[in-house]
Amino acid sequence: RKHYLAVGQFENFPYPGIREVLSRLQAEG
C-alpha cells in the first residue's frame, strides 16, 4: 500500500463507456 498510494492507484483508468452507463442509470432514478 505504501507503493500503491505513491504511484499505483493512478496507474488506472475508467473503462470506456462506464461513465455514460452510470449517468443514464442515475438519471433514471
PDB file of all heavy atoms in Angstrom:
ATOM      1  N   ARG A   1       0.818  -1.213   0.000  1.00  0.00           N
ATOM      2  CA  ARG A   1       0.000   0.000   0.000  1.00  0.00           C
ATOM      3  C   ARG A   1       0.853   1.266   0.000  1.00  0.00           C
ATOM      4  O   ARG A   1       0.436   2.296  -0.522  1.00  0.00           O
ATOM      5  CB  ARG A   1      -0.974  -0.033   1.184  1.00  0.00           C
ATOM      6  CG  ARG A   1      -2.101  -1.031   0.913  1.00  0.00           C
ATOM      7  CD  ARG A   1      -3.185  -1.014   1.928  1.00  0.00           C
ATOM      8  NE  ARG A   1      -4.248  -1.939   1.509  1.00  0.00           N
ATOM      9  CZ  ARG A   1      -5.055  -2.586   2.340  1.00  0.00           C
ATOM     10  NH1 ARG A   1      -4.932  -2.401   3.653  1.00  0.00           N
ATOM     11  NH2 ARG A   1      -5.977  -3.404   1.880  1.00  0.00           N
ATOM     12  N   LYS A   2       2.039   1.184   0.582  1.00  0.00           N
ATOM     13  CA  LYS A   2       2.939   2.336   0.542  1.00  0.00           C
ATOM     14  C   LYS A   2       3.264   2.692  -0.902  1.00  0.00           C
ATOM     15  O   LYS A   2       3.210   3.871  -1.299  1.00  0.00           O
ATOM     16  CB  LYS A   2       4.226   2.019   1.310  1.00  0.00           C
ATOM     17  CG  LYS A   2       5.244   3.153   1.300  1.00  0.00           C
ATOM     18  CD  LYS A   2       6.499   2.781   2.066  1.00  0.00           C
ATOM     19  CE  LYS A   2       7.304   1.723   1.312  1.00  0.00           C
ATOM     20  NZ  LYS A   2       8.593   1.439   1.980  1.00  0.00           N
ATOM     21  N   HIS A   3       3.557   1.691  -1.708  1.00  0.00           N
ATOM     22  CA  HIS A   3       3.869   1.933  -3.120  1.00  0.00           C
ATOM     23  C   HIS A   3       2.601   2.273  -3.912  1.00  0.00           C
ATOM     24  O   HIS A   3       2.642   3.124  -4.809  1.00  0.00           O
ATOM     25  CB  HIS A   3       4.556   0.704  -3.722  1.00  0.00           C
ATOM     26  CG  HIS A   3       5.936   0.485  -3.190  1.00  0.00           C
ATOM     27  ND1 HIS A   3       7.030   1.190  -3.635  1.00  0.00           N
ATOM     28  CD2 HIS A   3       6.397  -0.346  -2.229  1.00  0.00           C
ATOM     29  CE1 HIS A   3       8.115   0.794  -2.988  1.00  0.00           C
ATOM     30  NE2 HIS A   3       7.757  -0.132  -2.126  1.00  0.00           N
ATOM     31  N   TYR A   4       1.499   1.620  -3.556  1.00  0.00           N
ATOM     32  CA  TYR A   4       0.259   1.865  -4.294  1.00  0.00           C
ATOM     33  C   TYR A   4      -0.234   3.296  -4.081  1.00  0.00           C
ATOM     34  O   TYR A   4      -0.697   3.958  -5.020  1.00  0.00           O
ATOM     35  CB  TYR A   4      -0.814   0.861  -3.866  1.00  0.00           C
ATOM     36  CG  TYR A   4      -2.021   0.852  -4.768  1.00  0.00           C
ATOM     37  CD1 TYR A   4      -1.977   0.189  -6.005  1.00  0.00           C
ATOM     38  CD2 TYR A   4      -3.193   1.501  -4.424  1.00  0.00           C
ATOM     39  CE1 TYR A   4      -3.070   0.188  -6.856  1.00  0.00           C
ATOM     40  CE2 TYR A   4      -4.292   1.507  -5.261  1.00  0.00           C
ATOM     41  CZ  TYR A   4      -4.227   0.846  -6.477  1.00  0.00           C
ATOM     42  OH  TYR A   4      -5.311   0.848  -7.328  1.00  0.00           O
ATOM     43  N   LEU A   5      -0.127   3.782  -2.856  1.00  0.00           N
ATOM     44  CA  LEU A   5      -0.549   5.156  -2.577  1.00  0.00           C
ATOM     45  C   LEU A   5       0.321   6.172  -3.302  1.00  0.00           C
ATOM     46  O   LEU A   5      -0.157   7.203  -3.752  1.00  0.00           O
ATOM     47  CB  LEU A   5      -0.503   5.421  -1.068  1.00  0.00           C
ATOM     48  CG  LEU A   5      -1.692   4.887  -0.262  1.00  0.00           C
ATOM     49  CD1 LEU A   5      -1.399   4.977   1.227  1.00  0.00           C
ATOM     50  CD2 LEU A   5      -2.964   5.645  -0.607  1.00  0.00           C
ATOM     51  N   ALA A   6       1.608   5.855  -3.409  1.00  0.00           N
ATOM     52  CA  ALA A   6       2.540   6.790  -4.043  1.00  0.00           C
ATOM     53  C   ALA A   6       2.343   6.866  -5.552  1.00  0.00           C
ATOM     54  O   ALA A   6       2.391   7.945  -6.142  1.00  0.00           O
ATOM     55  CB  ALA A   6       3.976   6.391  -3.718  1.00  0.00           C
ATOM     56  N   VAL A   7       2.127   5.722  -6.178  1.00  0.00           N
ATOM     57  CA  VAL A   7       2.099   5.685  -7.644  1.00  0.00           C
ATOM     58  C   VAL A   7       0.946   4.844  -8.192  1.00  0.00           C
ATOM     59  O   VAL A   7       0.213   5.264  -9.092  1.00  0.00           O
ATOM     60  CB  VAL A   7       3.437   5.117  -8.199  1.00  0.00           C
ATOM     61  CG1 VAL A   7       3.380   5.041  -9.716  1.00  0.00           C
ATOM     62  CG2 VAL A   7       4.609   5.958  -7.752  1.00  0.00           C
ATOM     63  N   GLY A   8       0.763   3.649  -7.651  1.00  0.00           N
ATOM     64  CA  GLY A   8      -0.069   2.636  -8.295  1.00  0.00           C
ATOM     65  C   GLY A   8      -1.522   2.978  -8.458  1.00  0.00           C
ATOM     66  O   GLY A   8      -2.155   2.569  -9.441  1.00  0.00           O
ATOM     67  N   GLN A   9      -2.096   3.746  -7.509  1.00  0.00           N
ATOM     68  CA  GLN A   9      -3.543   3.960  -7.563  1.00  0.00           C
ATOM     69  C   GLN A   9      -3.981   4.736  -8.805  1.00  0.00           C
ATOM     70  O   GLN A   9      -5.125   4.619  -9.242  1.00  0.00           O
ATOM     71  CB  GLN A   9      -4.026   4.663  -6.299  1.00  0.00           C
ATOM     72  CG  GLN A   9      -3.480   6.055  -6.082  1.00  0.00           C
ATOM     73  CD  GLN A   9      -4.043   6.680  -4.809  1.00  0.00           C
ATOM     74  OE1 GLN A   9      -5.226   6.543  -4.519  1.00  0.00           O
ATOM     75  NE2 GLN A   9      -3.190   7.354  -4.053  1.00  0.00           N
ATOM     76  N   PHE A  10      -3.065   5.496  -9.384  1.00  0.00           N
ATOM     77  CA  PHE A  10      -3.431   6.266 -10.567  1.00  0.00           C
ATOM     78  C   PHE A  10      -2.874   5.660 -11.861  1.00  0.00           C
ATOM     79  O   PHE A  10      -2.974   6.269 -12.933  1.00  0.00           O
ATOM     80  CB  PHE A  10      -3.003   7.719 -10.406  1.00  0.00           C
ATOM     81  CG  PHE A  10      -3.701   8.385  -9.243  1.00  0.00           C
ATOM     82  CD1 PHE A  10      -2.981   9.041  -8.263  1.00  0.00           C
ATOM     83  CD2 PHE A  10      -5.076   8.317  -9.117  1.00  0.00           C
ATOM     84  CE1 PHE A  10      -3.620   9.636  -7.186  1.00  0.00           C
ATOM     85  CE2 PHE A  10      -5.733   8.908  -8.040  1.00  0.00           C
ATOM     86  CZ  PHE A  10      -5.007   9.573  -7.076  1.00  0.00           C
ATOM     87  N   GLU A  11      -2.279   4.468 -11.774  1.00  0.00           N
ATOM     88  CA  GLU A  11      -1.980   3.667 -12.967  1.00  0.00           C
ATOM     89  C   GLU A  11      -3.277   2.924 -13.294  1.00  0.00           C
ATOM     90  O   GLU A  11      -3.391   1.717 -13.117  1.00  0.00           O
ATOM     91  CB  GLU A  11      -0.817   2.707 -12.702  1.00  0.00           C
ATOM     92  CG  GLU A  11       0.504   3.409 -12.478  1.00  0.00           C
ATOM     93  CD  GLU A  11       1.639   2.451 -12.198  1.00  0.00           C
ATOM     94  OE1 GLU A  11       1.468   1.495 -11.409  1.00  0.00           O
ATOM     95  OE2 GLU A  11       2.725   2.652 -12.762  1.00  0.00           O
ATOM     96  N   ASN A  12      -4.256   3.645 -13.795  1.00  0.00           N
ATOM     97  CA  ASN A  12      -5.643   3.231 -13.707  1.00  0.00           C
ATOM     98  C   ASN A  12      -6.455   4.127 -14.647  1.00  0.00           C
ATOM     99  O   ASN A  12      -6.068   5.265 -14.892  1.00  0.00           O
ATOM    100  CB  ASN A  12      -6.069   3.464 -12.240  1.00  0.00           C
ATOM    101  CG  ASN A  12      -7.394   2.862 -11.872  1.00  0.00           C
ATOM    102  OD1 ASN A  12      -8.079   2.267 -12.698  1.00  0.00           O
ATOM    103  ND2 ASN A  12      -7.782   3.040 -10.623  1.00  0.00           N
ATOM    104  N   PHE A  13      -7.567   3.622 -15.171  1.00  0.00           N
ATOM    105  CA  PHE A  13      -8.443   4.487 -15.961  1.00  0.00           C
ATOM    106  C   PHE A  13      -9.853   3.897 -16.007  1.00  0.00           C
ATOM    107  O   PHE A  13     -10.021   2.678 -15.942  1.00  0.00           O
ATOM    108  CB  PHE A  13      -7.906   4.669 -17.393  1.00  0.00           C
ATOM    109  CG  PHE A  13      -7.794   3.401 -18.186  1.00  0.00           C
ATOM    110  CD1 PHE A  13      -8.873   2.914 -18.902  1.00  0.00           C
ATOM    111  CD2 PHE A  13      -6.601   2.689 -18.219  1.00  0.00           C
ATOM    112  CE1 PHE A  13      -8.780   1.734 -19.642  1.00  0.00           C
ATOM    113  CE2 PHE A  13      -6.494   1.505 -18.952  1.00  0.00           C
ATOM    114  CZ  PHE A  13      -7.594   1.035 -19.657  1.00  0.00           C
ATOM    115  N   PRO A  14     -10.883   4.740 -16.073  1.00  0.00           N
ATOM    116  CA  PRO A  14     -12.257   4.237 -16.201  1.00  0.00           C
ATOM    117  C   PRO A  14     -12.429   3.509 -17.535  1.00  0.00           C
ATOM    118  O   PRO A  14     -11.886   3.945 -18.558  1.00  0.00           O
ATOM    119  CB  PRO A  14     -13.112   5.507 -16.152  1.00  0.00           C
ATOM    120  CG  PRO A  14     -12.246   6.540 -15.520  1.00  0.00           C
ATOM    121  CD  PRO A  14     -10.842   6.210 -15.948  1.00  0.00           C
ATOM    122  N   TYR A  15     -13.180   2.430 -17.511  1.00  0.00           N
ATOM    123  CA  TYR A  15     -13.452   1.718 -18.759  1.00  0.00           C
ATOM    124  C   TYR A  15     -14.271   2.612 -19.695  1.00  0.00           C
ATOM    125  O   TYR A  15     -15.192   3.318 -19.240  1.00  0.00           O
ATOM    126  CB  TYR A  15     -14.215   0.427 -18.485  1.00  0.00           C
ATOM    127  CG  TYR A  15     -13.342  -0.672 -17.921  1.00  0.00           C
ATOM    128  CD1 TYR A  15     -13.404  -0.994 -16.569  1.00  0.00           C
ATOM    129  CD2 TYR A  15     -12.447  -1.366 -18.728  1.00  0.00           C
ATOM    130  CE1 TYR A  15     -12.601  -1.993 -16.045  1.00  0.00           C
ATOM    131  CE2 TYR A  15     -11.644  -2.366 -18.206  1.00  0.00           C
ATOM    132  CZ  TYR A  15     -11.716  -2.665 -16.870  1.00  0.00           C
ATOM    133  OH  TYR A  15     -10.913  -3.648 -16.348  1.00  0.00           O
ATOM    134  N   PRO A  16     -13.940   2.625 -20.976  1.00  0.00           N
ATOM    135  CA  PRO A  16     -14.699   3.437 -21.931  1.00  0.00           C
ATOM    136  C   PRO A  16     -16.187   3.090 -21.899  1.00  0.00           C
ATOM    137  O   PRO A  16     -16.555   1.914 -21.981  1.00  0.00           O
ATOM    138  CB  PRO A  16     -14.073   3.054 -23.280  1.00  0.00           C
ATOM    139  CG  PRO A  16     -12.689   2.593 -22.946  1.00  0.00           C
ATOM    140  CD  PRO A  16     -12.816   1.903 -21.620  1.00  0.00           C
ATOM    141  N   GLY A  17     -17.008   4.097 -21.727  1.00  0.00           N
ATOM    142  CA  GLY A  17     -18.453   3.902 -21.721  1.00  0.00           C
ATOM    143  C   GLY A  17     -19.074   3.757 -20.351  1.00  0.00           C
ATOM    144  O   GLY A  17     -20.307   3.884 -20.216  1.00  0.00           O
ATOM    145  N   ILE A  18     -18.267   3.490 -19.316  1.00  0.00           N
ATOM    146  CA  ILE A  18     -18.861   3.256 -17.991  1.00  0.00           C
ATOM    147  C   ILE A  18     -19.491   4.527 -17.437  1.00  0.00           C
ATOM    148  O   ILE A  18     -20.537   4.495 -16.788  1.00  0.00           O
ATOM    149  CB  ILE A  18     -17.826   2.665 -17.003  1.00  0.00           C
ATOM    150  CG1 ILE A  18     -18.543   2.091 -15.772  1.00  0.00           C
ATOM    151  CG2 ILE A  18     -16.783   3.709 -16.590  1.00  0.00           C
ATOM    152  CD1 ILE A  18     -19.426   0.921 -16.021  1.00  0.00           C
ATOM    153  N   ARG A  19     -18.872   5.668 -17.714  1.00  0.00           N
ATOM    154  CA  ARG A  19     -19.421   6.940 -17.209  1.00  0.00           C
ATOM    155  C   ARG A  19     -20.827   7.178 -17.771  1.00  0.00           C
ATOM    156  O   ARG A  19     -21.730   7.618 -17.050  1.00  0.00           O
ATOM    157  CB  ARG A  19     -18.483   8.077 -17.614  1.00  0.00           C
ATOM    158  CG  ARG A  19     -18.774   9.404 -16.928  1.00  0.00           C
ATOM    159  CD  ARG A  19     -17.832  10.482 -17.441  1.00  0.00           C
ATOM    160  NE  ARG A  19     -16.429  10.098 -17.363  1.00  0.00           N
ATOM    161  CZ  ARG A  19     -15.686  10.226 -16.258  1.00  0.00           C
ATOM    162  NH1 ARG A  19     -16.222  10.729 -15.171  1.00  0.00           N
ATOM    163  NH2 ARG A  19     -14.420   9.853 -16.265  1.00  0.00           N
ATOM    164  N   GLU A  20     -21.004   6.877 -19.045  1.00  0.00           N
ATOM    165  CA  GLU A  20     -22.301   7.079 -19.683  1.00  0.00           C
ATOM    166  C   GLU A  20     -23.358   6.131 -19.101  1.00  0.00           C
ATOM    167  O   GLU A  20     -24.519   6.527 -18.904  1.00  0.00           O
ATOM    168  CB  GLU A  20     -22.182   6.877 -21.193  1.00  0.00           C
ATOM    169  CG  GLU A  20     -21.410   7.980 -21.915  1.00  0.00           C
ATOM    170  CD  GLU A  20     -19.896   7.903 -21.710  1.00  0.00           C
ATOM    171  OE1 GLU A  20     -19.393   6.848 -21.257  1.00  0.00           O
ATOM    172  OE2 GLU A  20     -19.217   8.910 -22.003  1.00  0.00           O
ATOM    173  N   VAL A  21     -22.963   4.899 -18.820  1.00  0.00           N
ATOM    174  CA  VAL A  21     -23.895   3.936 -18.217  1.00  0.00           C
ATOM    175  C   VAL A  21     -24.322   4.419 -16.833  1.00  0.00           C
ATOM    176  O   VAL A  21     -25.513   4.408 -16.487  1.00  0.00           O
ATOM    177  CB  VAL A  21     -23.255   2.533 -18.129  1.00  0.00           C
ATOM    178  CG1 VAL A  21     -24.121   1.597 -17.288  1.00  0.00           C
ATOM    179  CG2 VAL A  21     -23.064   1.944 -19.517  1.00  0.00           C
ATOM    180  N   LEU A  22     -23.352   4.849 -16.014  1.00  0.00           N
ATOM    181  CA  LEU A  22     -23.674   5.327 -14.667  1.00  0.00           C
ATOM    182  C   LEU A  22     -24.592   6.549 -14.721  1.00  0.00           C
ATOM    183  O   LEU A  22     -25.565   6.645 -13.959  1.00  0.00           O
ATOM    184  CB  LEU A  22     -22.380   5.675 -13.926  1.00  0.00           C
ATOM    185  CG  LEU A  22     -21.423   4.523 -13.641  1.00  0.00           C
ATOM    186  CD1 LEU A  22     -20.128   5.052 -13.032  1.00  0.00           C
ATOM    187  CD2 LEU A  22     -22.060   3.481 -12.729  1.00  0.00           C
ATOM    188  N   SER A  23     -24.277   7.470 -15.610  1.00  0.00           N
ATOM    189  CA  SER A  23     -25.074   8.680 -15.732  1.00  0.00           C
ATOM    190  C   SER A  23     -26.513   8.359 -16.128  1.00  0.00           C
ATOM    191  O   SER A  23     -27.472   8.922 -15.565  1.00  0.00           O
ATOM    192  CB  SER A  23     -24.436   9.614 -16.777  1.00  0.00           C
ATOM    193  OG  SER A  23     -25.208  10.779 -16.945  1.00  0.00           O
ATOM    194  N   ARG A  24     -26.668   7.458 -17.064  1.00  0.00           N
ATOM    195  CA  ARG A  24     -28.003   7.096 -17.535  1.00  0.00           C
ATOM    196  C   ARG A  24     -28.805   6.384 -16.452  1.00  0.00           C
ATOM    197  O   ARG A  24     -29.980   6.686 -16.222  1.00  0.00           O
ATOM    198  CB  ARG A  24     -27.867   6.200 -18.768  1.00  0.00           C
ATOM    199  CG  ARG A  24     -29.168   5.950 -19.510  1.00  0.00           C
ATOM    200  CD  ARG A  24     -28.894   5.221 -20.809  1.00  0.00           C
ATOM    201  NE  ARG A  24     -30.113   4.903 -21.527  1.00  0.00           N
ATOM    202  CZ  ARG A  24     -30.160   4.184 -22.638  1.00  0.00           C
ATOM    203  NH1 ARG A  24     -29.033   3.718 -23.165  1.00  0.00           N
ATOM    204  NH2 ARG A  24     -31.319   3.931 -23.228  1.00  0.00           N
ATOM    205  N   LEU A  25     -28.148   5.444 -15.746  1.00  0.00           N
ATOM    206  CA  LEU A  25     -28.827   4.715 -14.670  1.00  0.00           C
ATOM    207  C   LEU A  25     -29.251   5.664 -13.550  1.00  0.00           C
ATOM    208  O   LEU A  25     -30.356   5.556 -13.010  1.00  0.00           O
ATOM    209  CB  LEU A  25     -27.906   3.628 -14.112  1.00  0.00           C
ATOM    210  CG  LEU A  25     -27.635   2.433 -15.018  1.00  0.00           C
ATOM    211  CD1 LEU A  25     -26.523   1.578 -14.443  1.00  0.00           C
ATOM    212  CD2 LEU A  25     -28.904   1.598 -15.230  1.00  0.00           C
ATOM    213  N   GLN A  26     -28.376   6.601 -13.216  1.00  0.00           N
ATOM    214  CA  GLN A  26     -28.694   7.566 -12.166  1.00  0.00           C
ATOM    215  C   GLN A  26     -29.847   8.473 -12.590  1.00  0.00           C
ATOM    216  O   GLN A  26     -30.777   8.729 -11.805  1.00  0.00           O
ATOM    217  CB  GLN A  26     -27.458   8.402 -11.834  1.00  0.00           C
ATOM    218  CG  GLN A  26     -27.646   9.372 -10.676  1.00  0.00           C
ATOM    219  CD  GLN A  26     -26.437  10.269 -10.498  1.00  0.00           C
ATOM    220  OE1 GLN A  26     -26.083  11.037 -11.394  1.00  0.00           O
ATOM    221  NE2 GLN A  26     -25.788  10.174  -9.342  1.00  0.00           N
ATOM    222  N   ALA A  27     -29.809   8.948 -13.823  1.00  0.00           N
ATOM    223  CA  ALA A  27     -30.849   9.852 -14.323  1.00  0.00           C
ATOM    224  C   ALA A  27     -32.224   9.184 -14.339  1.00  0.00           C
ATOM    225  O   ALA A  27     -33.256   9.868 -14.222  1.00  0.00           O
ATOM    226  CB  ALA A  27     -30.483  10.331 -15.724  1.00  0.00           C
ATOM    227  N   GLU A  28     -32.227   7.871 -14.464  1.00  0.00           N
ATOM    228  CA  GLU A  28     -33.498   7.126 -14.488  1.00  0.00           C
ATOM    229  C   GLU A  28     -34.029   6.834 -13.091  1.00  0.00           C
ATOM    230  O   GLU A  28     -35.071   6.176 -12.943  1.00  0.00           O
ATOM    231  CB  GLU A  28     -33.301   5.826 -15.278  1.00  0.00           C
ATOM    232  CG  GLU A  28     -33.079   6.068 -16.765  1.00  0.00           C
ATOM    233  CD  GLU A  28     -32.657   4.810 -17.515  1.00  0.00           C
ATOM    234  OE1 GLU A  28     -32.392   3.787 -16.857  1.00  0.00           O
ATOM    235  OE2 GLU A  28     -32.590   4.876 -18.752  1.00  0.00           O
ATOM    236  N   GLY A  29     -33.318   7.309 -12.061  1.00  0.00           N
ATOM    237  CA  GLY A  29     -33.816   7.175 -10.693  1.00  0.00           C
ATOM    238  C   GLY A  29     -33.307   5.983  -9.922  1.00  0.00           C
ATOM    239  O   GLY A  29     -33.766   5.718  -8.801  1.00  0.00           O
TER     240      GLY A  29
END
